[in-house]
């Protein structure tokens, strides 16, 4: 069995942690933390590929579905986020509902906006 240098897993946030499935192989796993999920995914794919050269963690790629992300972290107000990153909030809501799928460019724009917000919040040390 030939495996590319990078194997992709789609990650979903659950109430108990994370779940993930391989895009091209019948392999799925769970983990309470993202680190545990990555370790379990590596173990699961290597068990599936038993008898071949084991993959290393760096050969796995994890993608969190954008709609899942925005839906799970509902503390992110879609209207406010939309204004912040100049995307219509109803379009963001459609991504969460799964009625529309964002392009790669749009995903990057949204995630960049969320990362900028996280960076800004991490710079707050205390409130007076």
N, C-alpha and C. Protein backbone atom coordinates (compact mmCIF):
# COMPACT_ATOMS: atom_id res chain seq x y z
N UNK A 1 0.84 -1.18 0.00
CA UNK A 1 0.00 0.00 0.00
C UNK A 1 0.89 1.24 0.00
N UNK A 2 0.68 2.12 -0.96
CA UNK A 2 1.47 3.33 -1.09
C UNK A 2 0.75 4.47 -0.37
N UNK A 3 1.49 5.17 0.50
CA UNK A 3 0.92 6.28 1.26
C UNK A 3 1.71 7.54 0.92
N UNK A 4 1.01 8.64 0.67
CA UNK A 4 1.68 9.90 0.36
C UNK A 4 2.47 10.38 1.58
N UNK A 5 3.31 11.38 1.38
CA UNK A 5 4.13 11.88 2.47
C UNK A 5 3.31 12.59 3.54
N UNK A 6 2.09 13.01 3.22
CA UNK A 6 1.24 13.67 4.18
C UNK A 6 -0.13 13.03 4.15
N UNK A 7 -0.60 12.57 5.31
CA UNK A 7 -1.88 11.91 5.40
C UNK A 7 -2.84 12.82 6.16
N UNK A 8 -3.99 13.07 5.59
CA UNK A 8 -4.91 14.07 6.13
C UNK A 8 -6.00 13.45 6.99
N UNK A 9 -6.24 14.07 8.16
CA UNK A 9 -7.33 13.72 9.05
C UNK A 9 -8.25 14.93 9.19
N UNK A 10 -9.55 14.69 9.20
CA UNK A 10 -10.53 15.74 9.48
C UNK A 10 -10.91 15.61 10.94
N UNK A 11 -10.83 16.72 11.66
CA UNK A 11 -11.07 16.74 13.10
C UNK A 11 -12.40 17.40 13.39
N UNK A 12 -13.13 16.82 14.32
CA UNK A 12 -14.38 17.41 14.79
C UNK A 12 -14.30 17.56 16.30
N UNK A 13 -14.77 18.68 16.80
CA UNK A 13 -14.82 18.92 18.24
C UNK A 13 -16.08 18.27 18.77
N UNK A 14 -15.96 17.53 19.86
CA UNK A 14 -17.11 16.87 20.48
C UNK A 14 -17.27 17.37 21.91
N UNK A 15 -18.32 16.94 22.56
CA UNK A 15 -18.53 17.34 23.96
C UNK A 15 -17.50 16.73 24.90
N UNK A 16 -16.87 15.63 24.50
CA UNK A 16 -15.89 14.96 25.35
C UNK A 16 -14.46 15.14 24.87
N UNK A 17 -14.24 15.91 23.83
CA UNK A 17 -12.89 16.12 23.32
C UNK A 17 -12.90 16.29 21.82
N UNK A 18 -12.23 15.36 21.12
CA UNK A 18 -12.11 15.45 19.66
C UNK A 18 -12.29 14.08 19.04
N UNK A 19 -12.74 14.07 17.79
CA UNK A 19 -12.74 12.85 17.00
C UNK A 19 -12.11 13.21 15.65
N UNK A 20 -11.57 12.21 14.97
CA UNK A 20 -10.93 12.46 13.67
C UNK A 20 -11.05 11.22 12.81
N UNK A 21 -11.09 11.47 11.50
CA UNK A 21 -11.08 10.35 10.56
C UNK A 21 -10.13 10.69 9.42
N UNK A 22 -9.48 9.65 8.91
CA UNK A 22 -8.56 9.81 7.79
C UNK A 22 -9.39 10.00 6.51
N UNK A 23 -8.95 10.89 5.65
CA UNK A 23 -9.69 11.20 4.44
C UNK A 23 -9.63 10.03 3.45
N UNK A 24 -8.50 9.38 3.31
CA UNK A 24 -8.34 8.36 2.28
C UNK A 24 -8.32 6.92 2.79
N UNK A 25 -8.43 6.72 4.11
CA UNK A 25 -8.36 5.37 4.66
C UNK A 25 -9.45 5.18 5.70
N UNK A 26 -9.88 3.93 5.93
CA UNK A 26 -10.93 3.68 6.93
C UNK A 26 -10.36 3.67 8.35
N UNK A 27 -9.88 4.82 8.78
CA UNK A 27 -9.25 4.96 10.09
C UNK A 27 -9.89 6.13 10.81
N UNK A 28 -10.32 5.89 12.05
CA UNK A 28 -10.90 6.96 12.87
C UNK A 28 -10.45 6.77 14.31
N UNK A 29 -10.48 7.85 15.07
CA UNK A 29 -10.06 7.78 16.47
C UNK A 29 -10.65 8.96 17.24
N UNK A 30 -10.41 8.97 18.54
CA UNK A 30 -10.87 10.06 19.41
C UNK A 30 -9.75 10.40 20.39
N UNK A 31 -9.95 11.50 21.11
CA UNK A 31 -9.02 11.90 22.16
C UNK A 31 -9.65 12.99 23.02
N UNK A 32 -9.34 12.97 24.30
CA UNK A 32 -9.86 14.01 25.20
C UNK A 32 -9.23 15.37 24.90
N UNK A 33 -7.97 15.37 24.50
CA UNK A 33 -7.26 16.60 24.14
C UNK A 33 -6.79 16.46 22.70
N UNK A 34 -6.40 17.59 22.11
CA UNK A 34 -5.90 17.54 20.74
C UNK A 34 -4.59 16.75 20.67
N UNK A 35 -3.75 16.89 21.70
CA UNK A 35 -2.49 16.13 21.72
C UNK A 35 -2.75 14.63 21.79
N UNK A 36 -3.73 14.23 22.61
CA UNK A 36 -4.09 12.82 22.70
C UNK A 36 -4.66 12.32 21.37
N UNK A 37 -5.48 13.15 20.73
CA UNK A 37 -6.05 12.79 19.44
C UNK A 37 -4.94 12.55 18.42
N UNK A 38 -3.93 13.43 18.37
CA UNK A 38 -2.84 13.27 17.40
C UNK A 38 -2.09 11.97 17.65
N UNK A 39 -1.82 11.66 18.91
CA UNK A 39 -1.11 10.42 19.23
C UNK A 39 -1.95 9.20 18.85
N UNK A 40 -3.25 9.26 19.14
CA UNK A 40 -4.14 8.15 18.81
C UNK A 40 -4.26 7.97 17.30
N UNK A 41 -4.31 9.08 16.56
CA UNK A 41 -4.40 9.01 15.10
C UNK A 41 -3.15 8.34 14.52
N UNK A 42 -2.00 8.71 15.04
CA UNK A 42 -0.75 8.12 14.57
C UNK A 42 -0.74 6.61 14.84
N UNK A 43 -1.14 6.23 16.05
CA UNK A 43 -1.19 4.81 16.40
C UNK A 43 -2.20 4.07 15.50
N UNK A 44 -3.37 4.66 15.30
CA UNK A 44 -4.41 4.01 14.50
C UNK A 44 -3.98 3.81 13.05
N UNK A 45 -3.38 4.83 12.44
CA UNK A 45 -2.98 4.70 11.04
C UNK A 45 -1.84 3.70 10.90
N UNK A 46 -0.95 3.67 11.88
CA UNK A 46 0.15 2.70 11.81
C UNK A 46 -0.34 1.27 12.05
N UNK A 47 -1.36 1.09 12.88
CA UNK A 47 -1.96 -0.24 13.05
C UNK A 47 -2.64 -0.67 11.75
N UNK A 48 -3.32 0.25 11.11
CA UNK A 48 -3.97 -0.05 9.83
C UNK A 48 -2.95 -0.45 8.79
N UNK A 49 -1.82 0.20 8.80
CA UNK A 49 -0.76 -0.05 7.81
C UNK A 49 0.25 -1.08 8.32
N UNK A 50 -0.13 -1.94 9.25
CA UNK A 50 0.77 -2.92 9.87
C UNK A 50 1.63 -3.62 8.83
N UNK A 51 2.91 -3.68 9.13
CA UNK A 51 3.83 -4.36 8.23
C UNK A 51 4.54 -3.43 7.26
N UNK A 52 4.18 -2.17 7.26
CA UNK A 52 4.85 -1.19 6.41
C UNK A 52 5.68 -0.27 7.30
N UNK A 53 6.45 0.59 6.68
CA UNK A 53 7.26 1.54 7.45
C UNK A 53 6.31 2.48 8.21
N UNK A 54 6.46 2.57 9.53
CA UNK A 54 5.56 3.42 10.32
C UNK A 54 5.66 4.90 9.92
N UNK A 55 4.52 5.56 9.96
CA UNK A 55 4.50 7.00 9.72
C UNK A 55 4.92 7.72 10.98
N UNK A 56 5.42 8.94 10.81
CA UNK A 56 5.79 9.79 11.94
C UNK A 56 4.74 10.87 12.10
N UNK A 57 4.67 11.47 13.29
CA UNK A 57 3.67 12.49 13.57
C UNK A 57 3.68 13.62 12.53
N UNK A 58 4.86 14.02 12.09
CA UNK A 58 4.97 15.10 11.11
C UNK A 58 4.37 14.77 9.76
N UNK A 59 4.07 13.50 9.53
CA UNK A 59 3.49 13.10 8.25
C UNK A 59 1.96 13.15 8.27
N UNK A 60 1.38 13.46 9.43
CA UNK A 60 -0.07 13.58 9.54
C UNK A 60 -0.45 15.05 9.51
N UNK A 61 -1.55 15.34 8.84
CA UNK A 61 -2.07 16.70 8.77
C UNK A 61 -3.49 16.69 9.30
N UNK A 62 -3.80 17.63 10.19
CA UNK A 62 -5.10 17.67 10.82
C UNK A 62 -5.84 18.93 10.41
N UNK A 63 -7.08 18.75 9.96
CA UNK A 63 -7.90 19.89 9.56
C UNK A 63 -9.19 19.88 10.35
N UNK A 64 -9.49 21.00 10.97
CA UNK A 64 -10.75 21.15 11.69
C UNK A 64 -11.75 21.79 10.75
N UNK A 65 -12.90 21.17 10.59
CA UNK A 65 -13.94 21.70 9.72
C UNK A 65 -14.35 23.08 10.24
N UNK A 66 -14.35 24.07 9.37
CA UNK A 66 -14.63 25.45 9.77
C UNK A 66 -16.02 25.61 10.39
N UNK A 67 -17.02 25.00 9.78
CA UNK A 67 -18.38 25.07 10.33
C UNK A 67 -18.45 24.46 11.71
N UNK A 68 -17.78 23.31 11.89
CA UNK A 68 -17.71 22.66 13.20
C UNK A 68 -17.05 23.60 14.22
N UNK A 69 -15.96 24.20 13.81
CA UNK A 69 -15.21 25.09 14.69
C UNK A 69 -16.07 26.26 15.15
N UNK A 70 -16.69 26.96 14.19
CA UNK A 70 -17.51 28.12 14.54
C UNK A 70 -18.74 27.72 15.34
N UNK A 71 -19.32 26.57 15.03
CA UNK A 71 -20.49 26.10 15.76
C UNK A 71 -20.16 25.68 17.17
N UNK A 72 -19.02 25.02 17.35
CA UNK A 72 -18.64 24.56 18.68
C UNK A 72 -18.25 25.72 19.58
N UNK A 73 -17.47 26.63 19.04
CA UNK A 73 -17.03 27.79 19.82
C UNK A 73 -18.04 28.91 19.63
N UNK A 74 -19.26 28.66 20.10
CA UNK A 74 -20.33 29.63 19.90
C UNK A 74 -20.15 30.89 20.73
N UNK A 75 -19.10 30.94 21.52
CA UNK A 75 -18.77 32.18 22.21
C UNK A 75 -18.32 33.23 21.19
N UNK A 76 -17.91 32.76 20.01
CA UNK A 76 -17.58 33.68 18.93
C UNK A 76 -18.89 34.15 18.29
N UNK A 77 -19.25 35.35 18.55
CA UNK A 77 -20.47 35.94 18.00
C UNK A 77 -20.25 36.14 16.49
N UNK A 78 -21.06 35.47 15.68
CA UNK A 78 -20.86 35.51 14.23
C UNK A 78 -21.03 36.90 13.66
N UNK A 79 -21.96 37.67 14.22
CA UNK A 79 -22.16 39.03 13.71
C UNK A 79 -20.93 39.89 13.99
N UNK A 80 -20.42 39.82 15.22
CA UNK A 80 -19.24 40.62 15.57
C UNK A 80 -18.01 40.13 14.81
N UNK A 81 -17.87 38.81 14.69
CA UNK A 81 -16.73 38.28 13.94
C UNK A 81 -16.81 38.71 12.48
N UNK A 82 -18.01 38.64 11.92
CA UNK A 82 -18.20 39.05 10.53
C UNK A 82 -17.80 40.50 10.30
N UNK A 83 -18.22 41.37 11.22
CA UNK A 83 -17.82 42.79 11.10
C UNK A 83 -16.31 42.93 11.19
N UNK A 84 -15.71 42.20 12.11
CA UNK A 84 -14.26 42.31 12.33
C UNK A 84 -13.46 41.88 11.11
N UNK A 85 -13.92 40.84 10.41
CA UNK A 85 -13.15 40.32 9.27
C UNK A 85 -13.80 40.66 7.92
N UNK A 86 -14.82 41.48 7.96
CA UNK A 86 -15.51 41.96 6.74
C UNK A 86 -16.11 40.83 5.91
N UNK A 87 -16.82 39.94 6.60
CA UNK A 87 -17.58 38.87 5.94
C UNK A 87 -19.00 38.93 6.48
N UNK A 88 -19.97 38.82 5.61
CA UNK A 88 -21.37 38.87 6.00
C UNK A 88 -21.67 37.80 7.06
N UNK A 89 -22.22 38.20 8.21
CA UNK A 89 -22.52 37.24 9.27
C UNK A 89 -23.49 36.13 8.84
N UNK A 90 -24.40 36.43 7.91
CA UNK A 90 -25.31 35.38 7.44
C UNK A 90 -24.56 34.32 6.64
N UNK A 91 -23.49 34.73 5.98
CA UNK A 91 -22.64 33.77 5.28
C UNK A 91 -21.90 32.89 6.28
N UNK A 92 -21.40 33.49 7.36
CA UNK A 92 -20.75 32.71 8.42
C UNK A 92 -21.74 31.71 9.01
N UNK A 93 -22.99 32.15 9.23
CA UNK A 93 -24.02 31.26 9.78
C UNK A 93 -24.30 30.11 8.81
N UNK A 94 -24.26 30.37 7.52
CA UNK A 94 -24.47 29.31 6.53
C UNK A 94 -23.33 28.29 6.58
N UNK A 95 -22.11 28.76 6.85
CA UNK A 95 -20.97 27.84 7.01
C UNK A 95 -21.19 26.94 8.22
N UNK A 96 -21.67 27.52 9.32
CA UNK A 96 -21.93 26.75 10.53
C UNK A 96 -23.03 25.72 10.28
N UNK A 97 -24.09 26.13 9.60
CA UNK A 97 -25.21 25.24 9.32
C UNK A 97 -24.86 24.17 8.28
N UNK A 98 -23.80 24.40 7.53
CA UNK A 98 -23.39 23.45 6.50
C UNK A 98 -24.13 23.62 5.18
N UNK A 99 -24.87 24.71 5.05
CA UNK A 99 -25.59 24.95 3.79
C UNK A 99 -24.69 25.55 2.73
N UNK A 100 -23.57 26.10 3.16
CA UNK A 100 -22.55 26.62 2.23
C UNK A 100 -21.19 26.14 2.71
N UNK A 101 -20.28 26.00 1.76
CA UNK A 101 -18.91 25.57 2.07
C UNK A 101 -17.97 26.69 1.67
N UNK A 102 -17.14 27.17 2.62
CA UNK A 102 -16.22 28.26 2.27
C UNK A 102 -15.08 27.76 1.39
N UNK A 103 -14.61 28.65 0.52
CA UNK A 103 -13.44 28.33 -0.29
C UNK A 103 -12.21 28.29 0.62
N UNK A 104 -11.13 27.76 0.11
CA UNK A 104 -9.89 27.72 0.88
C UNK A 104 -9.46 29.13 1.27
N UNK A 105 -9.59 30.04 0.35
CA UNK A 105 -9.22 31.44 0.62
C UNK A 105 -10.09 32.04 1.73
N UNK A 106 -11.37 31.75 1.67
CA UNK A 106 -12.29 32.26 2.68
C UNK A 106 -12.00 31.63 4.05
N UNK A 107 -11.69 30.33 4.06
CA UNK A 107 -11.33 29.66 5.31
C UNK A 107 -10.11 30.33 5.94
N UNK A 108 -9.11 30.57 5.11
CA UNK A 108 -7.89 31.21 5.61
C UNK A 108 -8.18 32.59 6.17
N UNK A 109 -9.03 33.33 5.50
CA UNK A 109 -9.41 34.67 5.96
C UNK A 109 -10.10 34.61 7.32
N UNK A 110 -11.01 33.68 7.49
CA UNK A 110 -11.73 33.53 8.76
C UNK A 110 -10.78 33.09 9.87
N UNK A 111 -9.98 32.09 9.60
CA UNK A 111 -9.06 31.59 10.61
C UNK A 111 -8.00 32.63 10.98
N UNK A 112 -7.56 33.42 10.00
CA UNK A 112 -6.63 34.50 10.29
C UNK A 112 -7.29 35.52 11.23
N UNK A 113 -8.56 35.83 10.99
CA UNK A 113 -9.29 36.75 11.86
C UNK A 113 -9.44 36.21 13.27
N UNK A 114 -9.74 34.92 13.39
CA UNK A 114 -9.86 34.29 14.71
C UNK A 114 -8.50 34.28 15.41
N UNK A 115 -7.45 33.97 14.67
CA UNK A 115 -6.09 33.95 15.25
C UNK A 115 -5.68 35.35 15.71
N UNK A 116 -6.02 36.36 14.92
CA UNK A 116 -5.71 37.74 15.32
C UNK A 116 -6.44 38.10 16.61
N UNK A 117 -7.70 37.69 16.71
CA UNK A 117 -8.48 37.94 17.93
C UNK A 117 -7.86 37.21 19.12
N UNK A 118 -7.48 35.96 18.93
CA UNK A 118 -6.86 35.18 20.01
C UNK A 118 -5.55 35.82 20.46
N UNK A 119 -4.76 36.29 19.50
CA UNK A 119 -3.49 36.95 19.82
C UNK A 119 -3.76 38.22 20.63
N UNK A 120 -4.73 38.98 20.19
CA UNK A 120 -5.09 40.22 20.88
C UNK A 120 -5.56 39.93 22.31
N UNK A 121 -6.39 38.92 22.48
CA UNK A 121 -6.87 38.56 23.81
C UNK A 121 -5.75 38.02 24.70
N UNK A 122 -4.80 37.32 24.11
CA UNK A 122 -3.71 36.77 24.91
C UNK A 122 -2.78 37.85 25.44
N UNK A 123 -2.84 39.04 24.85
CA UNK A 123 -2.00 40.14 25.31
C UNK A 123 -2.60 40.87 26.52
N UNK A 124 -3.85 40.54 26.85
CA UNK A 124 -4.49 41.14 28.02
C UNK A 124 -4.01 40.38 29.25
N UNK A 125 -3.36 41.08 30.16
CA UNK A 125 -2.78 40.38 31.32
C UNK A 125 -3.67 40.43 32.54
N UNK A 126 -4.37 41.50 32.71
CA UNK A 126 -5.29 41.58 33.85
C UNK A 126 -6.19 42.80 33.67
N UNK A 127 -7.29 42.75 34.36
CA UNK A 127 -8.21 43.87 34.33
C UNK A 127 -8.08 44.64 35.62
N UNK A 128 -8.21 45.95 35.53
CA UNK A 128 -8.11 46.80 36.72
C UNK A 128 -9.50 47.13 37.21
